[in-house]
Amino acid sequence: MDPFPNPFRPSSGHMPPYLAGRITEKEGFGRLLGQTTITENLIITGLRGVGKSVLLESFRPIARQAGWLWTGDDFTESVSLSEDSIAERLLTDLSLTLGPIFVQSQMALPMGFSTKAEKRDRPLEYIDLRMVYDRAPGLTTDKLKAVLRHVGTLIHGTGIKGIIFAYDEAQNLSDKAHSEQYPLSVLLDVFQSLQRSPGGLPFMLVLTGLPTLFPKLNETRTYTERMFDVFQLDKLTPDESREAIIKPIQEDRCPVTFTPNAVEQIVDMSGGYPYFIQFICKEFFDVVIAKMGAGEVPIVPKTDIIRKLDQRFFSGRWD
């Protein structure tokens, strides 16, 4: 029989084997998906380790089941360099999402000596959206609006309810007045304008980031406090923490069990932070397996685990 893999995954954005808690947030997101005219977008914020990226990823299947398309990525520092960078990010993500769904008709010369043109269909590509962008007059904001209006025309009447633009690490995005580049303002202006236009295009913005995110958005554009609903994530309750610890090892083939005392130690050591729960449980699991294989009593070294957590999670930021 193959060895039972360690079910715990202490990594940024990786879905844990069991997502404990967050019922209120899922219900709130479901309410936002029911909007016929988009008046509220979403911000997910909280300290590192509370599970922002995981919650964002858990929203993807909920949105798809409700008839929405989902596109997005991380907002890295490079996206914040210029207005063209944010435009490039949006165009690239849109093309990857729309390509498998829509085809683009083009005129192509057939092989041989004939000069008669024939129509040929191909998947919609980045170059198609870029062409709309480049041909649109005006500033970056105007060009992006033209692209999204074009996309709105494509999805109209298809049964697609709308498109979620979901971006993690959004605190990295900021305006740069010294270089006259305003990518954050562009992003906010485009969505706010299209959502309040007659008929309101069905595009929703979902941003995830550290607690600095919302004040930054509000400082950039004061209307953002009316544009976003904010989910402020906190640590899990003790009961939710216990579920996150116990549920992944309740499978029949799992050779490891945690005693009630061990569970309470993990709850206490983690402080209810989902990342810490995954990290500590992974270490507990590996140590127990190793000691069982050596015929030893599985006593877990708490001090060593905390030291390793300090090195992995905190030391780089402290330095």
Protein backbone atom coordinates (compact mmCIF):
# COMPACT_ATOMS: atom_id res chain seq x y z
CA MET A 1 0.00 0.00 0.00
CA ASP A 2 1.28 3.46 -0.88
CA PRO A 3 2.24 5.61 2.11
CA PHE A 4 -0.42 8.09 3.18
CA PRO A 5 0.74 11.57 2.08
CA ASN A 6 0.95 14.39 4.57
CA PRO A 7 -2.38 16.20 4.03
CA PHE A 8 -1.31 19.56 5.47
CA ARG A 9 -0.13 22.28 3.09
CA PRO A 10 1.55 25.30 4.68
CA SER A 11 2.01 27.36 1.53
CA SER A 12 0.70 30.68 0.26
CA GLY A 13 -2.56 30.23 -1.61
CA HIS A 14 -2.59 26.40 -1.58
CA MET A 15 -6.01 25.09 -0.70
CA PRO A 16 -5.89 23.25 2.64
CA PRO A 17 -7.44 19.77 2.85
CA TYR A 18 -10.29 21.26 4.84
CA LEU A 19 -11.30 24.93 4.82
CA ALA A 20 -12.56 25.64 8.32
CA GLY A 21 -14.82 28.56 9.10
CA ARG A 22 -15.38 31.47 6.68
CA ILE A 23 -19.11 30.67 6.38
CA THR A 24 -20.12 34.32 6.72
CA GLU A 25 -17.65 35.38 4.02
CA LYS A 26 -18.91 32.73 1.58
CA GLU A 27 -22.50 33.81 2.17
CA GLY A 28 -21.51 37.44 1.63
CA PHE A 29 -19.77 36.59 -1.64
CA GLY A 30 -22.84 34.70 -2.79
CA ARG A 31 -24.90 37.83 -2.15
CA LEU A 32 -22.53 39.90 -4.30
CA LEU A 33 -22.85 37.37 -7.12
CA GLY A 34 -26.60 37.98 -7.10
CA GLN A 35 -26.23 41.62 -8.14
CA THR A 36 -27.96 42.44 -11.44
CA THR A 37 -26.22 45.82 -11.53
CA ILE A 38 -22.77 45.86 -9.95
CA THR A 39 -22.78 48.45 -7.18
CA GLU A 40 -20.47 46.59 -4.78
CA ASN A 41 -17.05 45.08 -5.40
CA LEU A 42 -15.06 43.19 -2.79
CA ILE A 43 -11.90 43.59 -0.73
CA ILE A 44 -10.55 40.69 1.34
CA THR A 45 -8.02 41.94 3.86
CA GLY A 46 -6.21 40.80 6.98
CA LEU A 47 -2.80 39.99 8.40
CA ARG A 48 -0.48 37.47 6.81
CA GLY A 49 -1.42 33.92 7.67
CA VAL A 50 -5.18 34.41 8.11
CA GLY A 51 -6.00 32.70 4.78
CA LYS A 52 -6.83 35.57 2.40
CA SER A 53 -5.44 33.86 -0.70
CA VAL A 54 -7.08 30.55 0.19
CA LEU A 55 -10.46 32.23 0.70
CA LEU A 56 -10.10 34.00 -2.65
CA GLU A 57 -9.36 30.69 -4.36
CA SER A 58 -12.35 29.07 -2.66
CA PHE A 59 -14.59 31.72 -4.24
CA ARG A 60 -13.62 30.66 -7.78
CA PRO A 61 -15.85 27.53 -8.00
CA ILE A 62 -18.69 29.40 -6.27
CA ALA A 63 -18.54 32.10 -8.94
CA ARG A 64 -18.37 29.60 -11.79
CA GLN A 65 -21.32 27.64 -10.45
CA ALA A 66 -23.31 30.88 -10.38
CA GLY A 67 -22.54 31.51 -14.07
CA TRP A 68 -19.64 33.95 -13.77
CA LEU A 69 -16.29 33.78 -15.54
CA TRP A 70 -13.21 34.19 -13.35
CA THR A 71 -9.95 35.86 -14.33
CA GLY A 72 -6.99 37.31 -12.44
CA ASP A 73 -3.58 36.73 -10.94
CA ASP A 74 -1.25 38.30 -8.36
CA PHE A 75 -0.50 42.00 -8.51
CA THR A 76 3.29 41.98 -8.40
CA GLU A 77 5.40 45.10 -8.00
CA SER A 78 6.09 45.08 -11.76
CA VAL A 79 2.37 45.60 -12.48
CA SER A 80 2.55 48.81 -10.49
CA LEU A 81 5.36 50.30 -12.58
CA SER A 82 3.17 52.00 -15.16
CA GLU A 83 -0.33 52.41 -16.53
CA ASP A 84 0.61 50.25 -19.51
CA SER A 85 1.65 47.48 -17.10
CA ILE A 86 -1.78 47.33 -15.49
CA ALA A 87 -3.39 47.39 -18.93
CA GLU A 88 -1.13 44.55 -20.07
CA ARG A 89 -2.10 42.52 -17.00
CA LEU A 90 -5.83 42.93 -17.63
CA LEU A 91 -5.59 42.19 -21.37
CA THR A 92 -3.47 39.09 -20.80
CA ASP A 93 -5.78 37.69 -18.13
CA LEU A 94 -8.88 38.39 -20.20
CA SER A 95 -7.48 36.69 -23.28
CA LEU A 96 -6.59 33.56 -21.30
CA THR A 97 -10.12 33.40 -19.89
CA LEU A 98 -12.03 34.21 -23.07
CA GLY A 99 -9.86 32.28 -25.54
CA PRO A 100 -11.27 28.81 -24.79
CA ILE A 101 -14.85 30.14 -25.07
CA PHE A 102 -14.96 32.55 -28.00
CA VAL A 103 -13.78 32.26 -31.59
CA GLN A 104 -12.73 35.12 -33.79
CA SER A 105 -13.53 35.15 -37.52
CA GLN A 106 -10.73 36.29 -39.80
CA MET A 107 -10.14 36.57 -43.53
CA ALA A 108 -7.25 34.39 -44.72
CA LEU A 109 -5.77 33.69 -48.13
CA PRO A 110 -5.99 29.98 -48.96
CA MET A 111 -2.95 28.00 -49.98
CA GLY A 112 -2.06 27.84 -53.67
CA PHE A 113 -2.60 30.34 -56.41
CA SER A 114 -6.20 31.25 -55.74
CA THR A 115 -6.82 34.84 -54.67
CA LYS A 116 -10.28 34.13 -53.35
CA ALA A 117 -10.40 34.91 -49.63
CA GLU A 118 -12.07 32.50 -47.24
CA LYS A 119 -13.25 32.84 -43.67
CA ARG A 120 -11.49 30.91 -40.95
CA ASP A 121 -12.37 30.77 -37.28
CA ARG A 122 -9.77 30.67 -34.51
CA PRO A 123 -9.87 31.18 -30.74
CA LEU A 124 -9.93 34.75 -29.53
CA GLU A 125 -6.37 35.77 -28.65
CA TYR A 126 -4.52 38.48 -26.81
CA ILE A 127 -3.76 40.22 -30.13
CA ASP A 128 -7.49 40.71 -30.76
CA LEU A 129 -7.99 42.55 -27.48
CA ARG A 130 -4.75 44.47 -27.97
CA MET A 131 -5.98 45.64 -31.36
CA VAL A 132 -9.13 47.06 -29.78
CA TYR A 133 -6.95 48.70 -27.13
CA ASP A 134 -4.49 50.25 -29.60
CA ARG A 135 -7.19 51.56 -31.94
CA ALA A 136 -9.19 53.23 -29.18
CA PRO A 137 -8.50 56.96 -28.83
CA GLY A 138 -7.63 58.64 -25.56
CA LEU A 139 -5.71 57.74 -22.44
CA THR A 140 -5.06 54.31 -20.90
CA THR A 141 -8.36 54.55 -19.03
CA ASP A 142 -10.29 55.21 -22.25
CA LYS A 143 -8.55 52.35 -24.06
CA LEU A 144 -9.30 49.85 -21.29
CA LYS A 145 -12.92 50.95 -21.23
CA ALA A 146 -13.11 50.29 -24.97
CA VAL A 147 -11.73 46.77 -24.50
CA LEU A 148 -14.13 45.95 -21.68
CA ARG A 149 -17.10 47.31 -23.63
CA HIS A 150 -16.02 45.05 -26.50
CA VAL A 151 -15.86 42.10 -24.10
CA GLY A 152 -19.28 43.05 -22.74
CA THR A 153 -20.64 42.81 -26.27
CA LEU A 154 -19.05 39.36 -26.67
CA ILE A 155 -20.64 37.90 -23.55
CA HIS A 156 -24.04 39.56 -24.03
CA GLY A 157 -26.71 36.96 -24.66
CA THR A 158 -24.40 34.00 -24.01
CA GLY A 159 -25.75 33.07 -20.59
CA ILE A 160 -22.55 34.28 -18.93
CA LYS A 161 -23.63 36.41 -15.99
CA GLY A 162 -20.42 38.44 -15.81
CA ILE A 163 -16.69 38.36 -15.20
CA ILE A 164 -14.92 38.42 -11.84
CA PHE A 165 -11.53 40.17 -11.94
CA ALA A 166 -9.78 38.67 -8.90
CA TYR A 167 -6.34 39.92 -7.88
CA ASP A 168 -4.23 38.86 -4.91
CA GLU A 169 -1.48 40.92 -3.24
CA ALA A 170 -3.28 44.09 -4.32
CA GLN A 171 -1.45 46.16 -1.70
CA ASN A 172 1.48 46.14 -4.17
CA LEU A 173 -0.43 48.37 -6.58
CA SER A 174 0.08 52.09 -6.14
CA ASP A 175 0.26 55.34 -8.08
CA LYS A 176 3.63 56.92 -8.79
CA ALA A 177 3.19 60.67 -9.08
CA HIS A 178 6.95 61.26 -9.45
CA SER A 179 6.91 59.40 -12.77
CA GLU A 180 3.39 60.49 -13.72
CA GLN A 181 2.12 56.92 -13.72
CA TYR A 182 -1.19 56.12 -12.03
CA PRO A 183 -1.98 52.40 -12.44
CA LEU A 184 -4.11 52.17 -9.30
CA SER A 185 -6.20 55.17 -10.32
CA VAL A 186 -6.63 53.66 -13.78
CA LEU A 187 -7.93 50.39 -12.33
CA LEU A 188 -10.43 52.10 -10.03
CA ASP A 189 -11.60 54.64 -12.61
CA VAL A 190 -12.21 52.01 -15.29
CA PHE A 191 -14.38 49.75 -13.14
CA GLN A 192 -16.21 52.55 -11.39
CA SER A 193 -17.05 54.21 -14.71
CA LEU A 194 -18.23 51.06 -16.47
CA GLN A 195 -20.31 49.90 -13.51
CA ARG A 196 -22.22 53.18 -13.26
CA SER A 197 -22.71 53.60 -17.01
CA PRO A 198 -26.24 53.03 -18.41
CA GLY A 199 -26.87 49.31 -18.31
CA GLY A 200 -23.80 48.78 -16.11
CA LEU A 201 -21.43 46.18 -17.55
CA PRO A 202 -21.26 42.98 -15.43
CA PHE A 203 -17.64 43.19 -14.29
CA MET A 204 -16.82 42.80 -10.59
CA LEU A 205 -13.47 43.60 -8.99
CA VAL A 206 -12.26 41.38 -6.11
CA LEU A 207 -9.01 42.48 -4.45
CA THR A 208 -7.08 40.72 -1.70
CA GLY A 209 -4.33 42.31 0.37
CA LEU A 210 -2.86 43.36 3.67
CA PRO A 211 -4.65 45.89 5.92
CA THR A 212 -2.81 48.72 4.16
CA LEU A 213 -4.89 48.03 1.02
CA PHE A 214 -8.20 49.74 1.78
CA PRO A 215 -6.70 52.98 3.17
CA LYS A 216 -4.50 53.15 0.07
CA LEU A 217 -7.51 52.73 -2.22
CA ASN A 218 -9.52 55.31 -0.30
CA GLU A 219 -6.63 57.78 -0.43
CA THR A 220 -6.35 57.30 -4.19
CA ARG A 221 -10.06 57.68 -4.90
CA THR A 222 -12.41 58.71 -2.09
CA TYR A 223 -15.37 57.01 -3.76
CA THR A 224 -13.84 53.58 -3.10
CA GLU A 225 -15.44 53.44 0.36
CA ARG A 226 -18.79 53.25 -1.48
CA MET A 227 -17.46 50.98 -4.23
CA PHE A 228 -16.29 48.05 -2.08
CA ASP A 229 -17.60 45.70 0.54
CA VAL A 230 -14.74 44.72 2.87
CA PHE A 231 -14.21 41.28 4.40
CA GLN A 232 -11.81 41.74 7.32
CA LEU A 233 -10.45 38.26 8.03
CA ASP A 234 -9.48 37.36 11.57
CA LYS A 235 -8.04 34.21 13.10
CA LEU A 236 -10.21 31.11 13.47
CA THR A 237 -12.17 30.37 16.61
CA PRO A 238 -10.93 27.48 18.80
CA ASP A 239 -13.68 25.21 17.44
CA GLU A 240 -12.83 26.12 13.82
CA SER A 241 -9.15 25.54 14.58
CA ARG A 242 -9.92 22.07 15.91
CA GLU A 243 -11.84 21.26 12.73
CA ALA A 244 -8.90 22.38 10.59
CA ILE A 245 -6.61 20.09 12.61
CA ILE A 246 -8.80 16.99 12.90
CA LYS A 247 -10.74 16.77 9.61
CA PRO A 248 -7.71 16.10 7.31
CA ILE A 249 -6.61 13.04 9.32
CA GLN A 250 -10.03 11.41 9.64
CA GLU A 251 -9.65 9.39 6.43
CA ASP A 252 -9.66 5.62 6.90
CA ARG A 253 -6.16 5.11 5.48
CA CYS A 254 -4.51 7.82 7.59
CA PRO A 255 -2.05 6.17 10.01
CA VAL A 256 -1.79 9.22 12.27
CA THR A 257 -4.14 10.42 14.96
CA PHE A 258 -3.66 13.39 17.25
CA THR A 259 -4.58 12.96 20.89
CA PRO A 260 -6.99 15.53 22.38
CA ASN A 261 -4.02 16.98 24.27
CA ALA A 262 -2.01 17.33 21.06
CA VAL A 263 -4.94 19.04 19.33
CA GLU A 264 -5.22 21.55 22.15
CA GLN A 265 -1.47 22.19 22.00
CA ILE A 266 -1.72 22.95 18.27
CA VAL A 267 -4.70 25.25 18.82
CA ASP A 268 -2.71 27.11 21.46
CA MET A 269 0.54 27.24 19.45
CA SER A 270 -1.19 28.44 16.26
CA GLY A 271 -3.22 31.19 17.86
CA GLY A 272 -5.98 30.35 15.36
CA TYR A 273 -4.02 31.50 12.30
CA PRO A 274 -4.77 29.09 9.42
CA TYR A 275 -1.23 29.15 8.01
CA PHE A 276 0.25 28.35 11.41
CA ILE A 277 -2.20 25.47 11.83
CA GLN A 278 -1.11 23.99 8.50
CA PHE A 279 2.58 24.48 9.31
CA ILE A 280 2.45 23.02 12.82
CA CYS A 281 0.23 20.10 11.79
CA LYS A 282 2.54 19.24 8.91
CA GLU A 283 5.49 19.11 11.29
CA PHE A 284 3.49 17.09 13.86
CA PHE A 285 2.46 14.64 11.15
CA ASP A 286 6.01 14.14 9.83
CA VAL A 287 7.49 13.68 13.29
CA VAL A 288 4.82 11.19 14.35
CA ILE A 289 5.30 9.13 11.16
CA ALA A 290 9.09 9.10 11.63
CA LYS A 291 8.91 8.04 15.29
CA MET A 292 6.29 5.37 14.59
CA GLY A 293 8.53 3.94 11.86
CA ALA A 294 11.44 3.79 14.29
CA GLY A 295 9.30 2.17 16.97
CA GLU A 296 9.58 5.20 19.27
CA VAL A 297 6.94 6.98 21.29
CA PRO A 298 5.78 9.95 19.15
CA ILE A 299 6.62 12.89 21.40
CA VAL A 300 6.47 16.07 19.34
CA PRO A 301 9.19 18.70 19.93
CA LYS A 302 7.19 21.91 20.32
CA THR A 303 10.27 24.11 20.72
CA ASP A 304 11.83 22.85 17.48
CA ILE A 305 8.62 23.42 15.53
CA ILE A 306 8.24 26.98 16.81
CA ARG A 307 11.89 27.69 15.99
CA LYS A 308 11.37 26.40 12.44
CA LEU A 309 8.24 28.51 12.08
CA ASP A 310 10.19 31.57 13.24
CA GLN A 311 12.83 30.93 10.58
CA ARG A 312 10.37 30.24 7.76
CA PHE A 313 7.67 32.85 8.37
CA PHE A 314 9.10 35.66 10.47
CA SER A 315 12.89 35.91 10.05
CA GLY A 316 12.88 37.33 6.53
CA ARG A 317 10.37 40.04 7.39
CA TRP A 318 12.17 40.83 10.64
CA ASP A 319 15.49 41.16 8.77
